[in-house]
Amino acid sequence: MRKTAMIAVSLALAAGTGIAAAPSAHAATPCPSGALCIRETNGTILSKNIFYSYGSHNLSNVTGHRVLAHYQTGGAGFRVCFGYNGVNCSDVVRETGESLPYDMTPINSVVLVP
């Protein structure tokens, strides 16, 4: 739980937004090791929202409060970005685990960094 809170606080501070309550993901689909995943509001993970490769990844129809599951290995991190193609991004988040629900509506891309 502590890691979850740390990721949520890091995201909120880096992106300049607050955290709000959203449906929990109790029966959640696991995020594979080595990936960053974005959960649907029902806890599942669509294959289009599993990211393995470094660089920017544009998001499509990812809105509302979502849980980010960060299971990259080797100290890799990620950034959430307001613009497409990795523009106007947060600071790098390297803590692994799952975030508290985070408002992804203004987020248009994620960037995976080594």
C-alpha atoms as a PDB file:
ATOM      1  CA  MET A   1       0.000   0.000   0.000  1.00  0.00           C
ATOM      2  CA  ARG A   2       2.868   2.351   0.737  1.00  0.00           C
ATOM      3  CA  LYS A   3       4.265   1.942  -2.804  1.00  0.00           C
ATOM      4  CA  THR A   4       0.804   2.588  -4.213  1.00  0.00           C
ATOM      5  CA  ALA A   5       0.513   5.815  -2.271  1.00  0.00           C
ATOM      6  CA  MET A   6       4.032   6.883  -3.313  1.00  0.00           C
ATOM      7  CA  ILE A   7       3.270   6.404  -7.007  1.00  0.00           C
ATOM      8  CA  ALA A   8      -0.012   8.287  -6.709  1.00  0.00           C
ATOM      9  CA  VAL A   9       1.609  11.177  -4.876  1.00  0.00           C
ATOM     10  CA  SER A  10       4.488  11.273  -7.379  1.00  0.00           C
ATOM     11  CA  LEU A  11       2.039  11.397 -10.277  1.00  0.00           C
ATOM     12  CA  ALA A  12      -0.153  14.017  -8.656  1.00  0.00           C
ATOM     13  CA  LEU A  13       2.774  16.257  -7.794  1.00  0.00           C
ATOM     14  CA  ALA A  14       4.547  15.792 -11.108  1.00  0.00           C
ATOM     15  CA  ALA A  15       1.459  16.397 -13.213  1.00  0.00           C
ATOM     16  CA  GLY A  16       0.077  19.117 -10.960  1.00  0.00           C
ATOM     17  CA  THR A  17      -3.250  17.379 -10.442  1.00  0.00           C
ATOM     18  CA  GLY A  18      -5.145  15.889  -7.534  1.00  0.00           C
ATOM     19  CA  ILE A  19      -6.166  12.346  -6.853  1.00  0.00           C
ATOM     20  CA  ALA A  20      -9.820  11.398  -6.615  1.00  0.00           C
ATOM     21  CA  ALA A  21     -11.593   8.211  -5.702  1.00  0.00           C
ATOM     22  CA  ALA A  22     -12.584   5.757  -8.394  1.00  0.00           C
ATOM     23  CA  PRO A  23     -13.761   2.163  -8.604  1.00  0.00           C
ATOM     24  CA  SER A  24     -11.224  -0.257  -7.198  1.00  0.00           C
ATOM     25  CA  ALA A  25      -9.729  -3.120  -9.147  1.00  0.00           C
ATOM     26  CA  HIS A  26     -10.200  -6.025  -6.744  1.00  0.00           C
ATOM     27  CA  ALA A  27     -10.579  -8.692  -9.444  1.00  0.00           C
ATOM     28  CA  ALA A  28      -7.881  -7.077 -11.535  1.00  0.00           C
ATOM     29  CA  THR A  29      -6.027  -8.622 -14.446  1.00  0.00           C
ATOM     30  CA  PRO A  30      -2.314  -8.932 -13.600  1.00  0.00           C
ATOM     31  CA  CYS A  31       0.153  -6.663 -15.392  1.00  0.00           C
ATOM     32  CA  PRO A  32       3.060  -8.649 -16.872  1.00  0.00           C
ATOM     33  CA  SER A  33       6.559  -8.237 -15.481  1.00  0.00           C
ATOM     34  CA  GLY A  34       8.577  -5.732 -17.511  1.00  0.00           C
ATOM     35  CA  ALA A  35       5.537  -3.639 -18.498  1.00  0.00           C
ATOM     36  CA  LEU A  36       3.592  -0.504 -17.673  1.00  0.00           C
ATOM     37  CA  CYS A  37      -0.152  -1.171 -17.836  1.00  0.00           C
ATOM     38  CA  ILE A  38      -3.212   1.032 -17.659  1.00  0.00           C
ATOM     39  CA  ARG A  39      -6.248  -0.661 -16.151  1.00  0.00           C
ATOM     40  CA  GLU A  40      -9.781  -0.176 -17.394  1.00  0.00           C
ATOM     41  CA  THR A  41     -12.214   1.057 -14.743  1.00  0.00           C
ATOM     42  CA  ASN A  42     -13.384  -2.550 -14.209  1.00  0.00           C
ATOM     43  CA  GLY A  43      -9.828  -3.738 -13.401  1.00  0.00           C
ATOM     44  CA  THR A  44      -9.069  -5.450 -16.697  1.00  0.00           C
ATOM     45  CA  ILE A  45      -6.133  -4.517 -18.911  1.00  0.00           C
ATOM     46  CA  LEU A  46      -6.589  -4.192 -22.658  1.00  0.00           C
ATOM     47  CA  SER A  47      -3.656  -5.417 -24.765  1.00  0.00           C
ATOM     48  CA  LYS A  48      -3.374  -1.927 -26.315  1.00  0.00           C
ATOM     49  CA  ASN A  49      -2.643  -0.551 -22.821  1.00  0.00           C
ATOM     50  CA  ILE A  50       0.341  -2.789 -22.038  1.00  0.00           C
ATOM     51  CA  PHE A  51       3.626  -1.048 -22.836  1.00  0.00           C
ATOM     52  CA  TYR A  52       7.043  -2.742 -22.948  1.00  0.00           C
ATOM     53  CA  SER A  53       9.252  -0.635 -25.223  1.00  0.00           C
ATOM     54  CA  TYR A  54      11.045   2.566 -24.275  1.00  0.00           C
ATOM     55  CA  GLY A  55       9.816   5.758 -25.892  1.00  0.00           C
ATOM     56  CA  SER A  56       6.471   7.490 -26.226  1.00  0.00           C
ATOM     57  CA  HIS A  57       3.155   5.717 -26.651  1.00  0.00           C
ATOM     58  CA  ASN A  58       0.041   7.681 -27.625  1.00  0.00           C
ATOM     59  CA  LEU A  59      -3.140   6.772 -25.781  1.00  0.00           C
ATOM     60  CA  SER A  60      -6.562   6.263 -27.308  1.00  0.00           C
ATOM     61  CA  ASN A  61      -9.817   6.388 -25.320  1.00  0.00           C
ATOM     62  CA  VAL A  62      -8.068   6.320 -21.941  1.00  0.00           C
ATOM     63  CA  THR A  63     -10.202   8.657 -19.836  1.00  0.00           C
ATOM     64  CA  GLY A  64     -11.428   8.846 -16.291  1.00  0.00           C
ATOM     65  CA  HIS A  65      -9.708   7.531 -13.209  1.00  0.00           C
ATOM     66  CA  ARG A  66      -7.421   4.591 -13.972  1.00  0.00           C
ATOM     67  CA  VAL A  67      -4.878   2.576 -12.057  1.00  0.00           C
ATOM     68  CA  LEU A  68      -1.349   2.577 -13.505  1.00  0.00           C
ATOM     69  CA  ALA A  69       0.451  -0.713 -12.908  1.00  0.00           C
ATOM     70  CA  HIS A  70       4.213  -0.204 -13.172  1.00  0.00           C
ATOM     71  CA  TYR A  71       6.144  -3.470 -13.365  1.00  0.00           C
ATOM     72  CA  GLN A  72       9.115  -2.532 -15.534  1.00  0.00           C
ATOM     73  CA  THR A  73      12.383  -4.054 -14.386  1.00  0.00           C
ATOM     74  CA  GLY A  74      15.957  -2.829 -14.016  1.00  0.00           C
ATOM     75  CA  GLY A  75      15.004   0.543 -12.517  1.00  0.00           C
ATOM     76  CA  ALA A  76      13.133   1.711 -15.629  1.00  0.00           C
ATOM     77  CA  GLY A  77      10.544   4.440 -15.217  1.00  0.00           C
ATOM     78  CA  PHE A  78       7.733   6.228 -16.976  1.00  0.00           C
ATOM     79  CA  ARG A  79       6.246   9.675 -17.471  1.00  0.00           C
ATOM     80  CA  VAL A  80       2.641  10.680 -18.165  1.00  0.00           C
ATOM     81  CA  CYS A  81       2.233  13.434 -20.759  1.00  0.00           C
ATOM     82  CA  PHE A  82      -0.463  15.970 -21.576  1.00  0.00           C
ATOM     83  CA  GLY A  83       0.526  16.041 -25.247  1.00  0.00           C
ATOM     84  CA  TYR A  84       0.784  13.319 -27.846  1.00  0.00           C
ATOM     85  CA  ASN A  85       4.223  11.899 -28.716  1.00  0.00           C
ATOM     86  CA  GLY A  86       5.596  12.484 -25.224  1.00  0.00           C
ATOM     87  CA  VAL A  87       5.128  16.280 -24.997  1.00  0.00           C
ATOM     88  CA  ASN A  88       4.552  18.248 -21.738  1.00  0.00           C
ATOM     89  CA  CYS A  89       5.326  15.376 -19.355  1.00  0.00           C
ATOM     90  CA  SER A  90       5.547  14.732 -15.631  1.00  0.00           C
ATOM     91  CA  ASP A  91       8.772  13.881 -13.855  1.00  0.00           C
ATOM     92  CA  VAL A  92       9.938  10.276 -14.177  1.00  0.00           C
ATOM     93  CA  VAL A  93       8.245   7.804 -11.817  1.00  0.00           C
ATOM     94  CA  ARG A  94      10.437   4.801 -10.998  1.00  0.00           C
ATOM     95  CA  GLU A  95       8.555   3.260  -8.065  1.00  0.00           C
ATOM     96  CA  THR A  96       7.039  -0.076  -9.045  1.00  0.00           C
ATOM     97  CA  GLY A  97       3.612  -1.287  -8.078  1.00  0.00           C
ATOM     98  CA  GLU A  98       0.132   0.030  -8.635  1.00  0.00           C
ATOM     99  CA  SER A  99      -1.032   3.604  -8.263  1.00  0.00           C
ATOM    100  CA  LEU A 100      -4.163   4.869  -6.655  1.00  0.00           C
ATOM    101  CA  PRO A 101      -6.748   5.756  -9.304  1.00  0.00           C
ATOM    102  CA  TYR A 102      -5.421   8.681 -11.334  1.00  0.00           C
ATOM    103  CA  ASP A 103      -7.366  11.002 -13.666  1.00  0.00           C
ATOM    104  CA  MET A 104      -6.112  10.067 -17.130  1.00  0.00           C
ATOM    105  CA  THR A 105      -8.561  12.342 -19.008  1.00  0.00           C
ATOM    106  CA  PRO A 106      -5.985  15.083 -19.730  1.00  0.00           C
ATOM    107  CA  ILE A 107      -3.201  12.537 -20.435  1.00  0.00           C
ATOM    108  CA  ASN A 108      -2.510  11.797 -24.107  1.00  0.00           C
ATOM    109  CA  SER A 109       0.672   9.722 -23.969  1.00  0.00           C
ATOM    110  CA  VAL A 110       3.053   7.821 -21.718  1.00  0.00           C
ATOM    111  CA  VAL A 111       6.816   7.600 -22.116  1.00  0.00           C
ATOM    112  CA  LEU A 112       8.850   4.638 -20.893  1.00  0.00           C
ATOM    113  CA  VAL A 113      12.420   5.512 -19.950  1.00  0.00           C
ATOM    114  CA  PRO A 114      15.422   3.337 -19.055  1.00  0.00           C
END
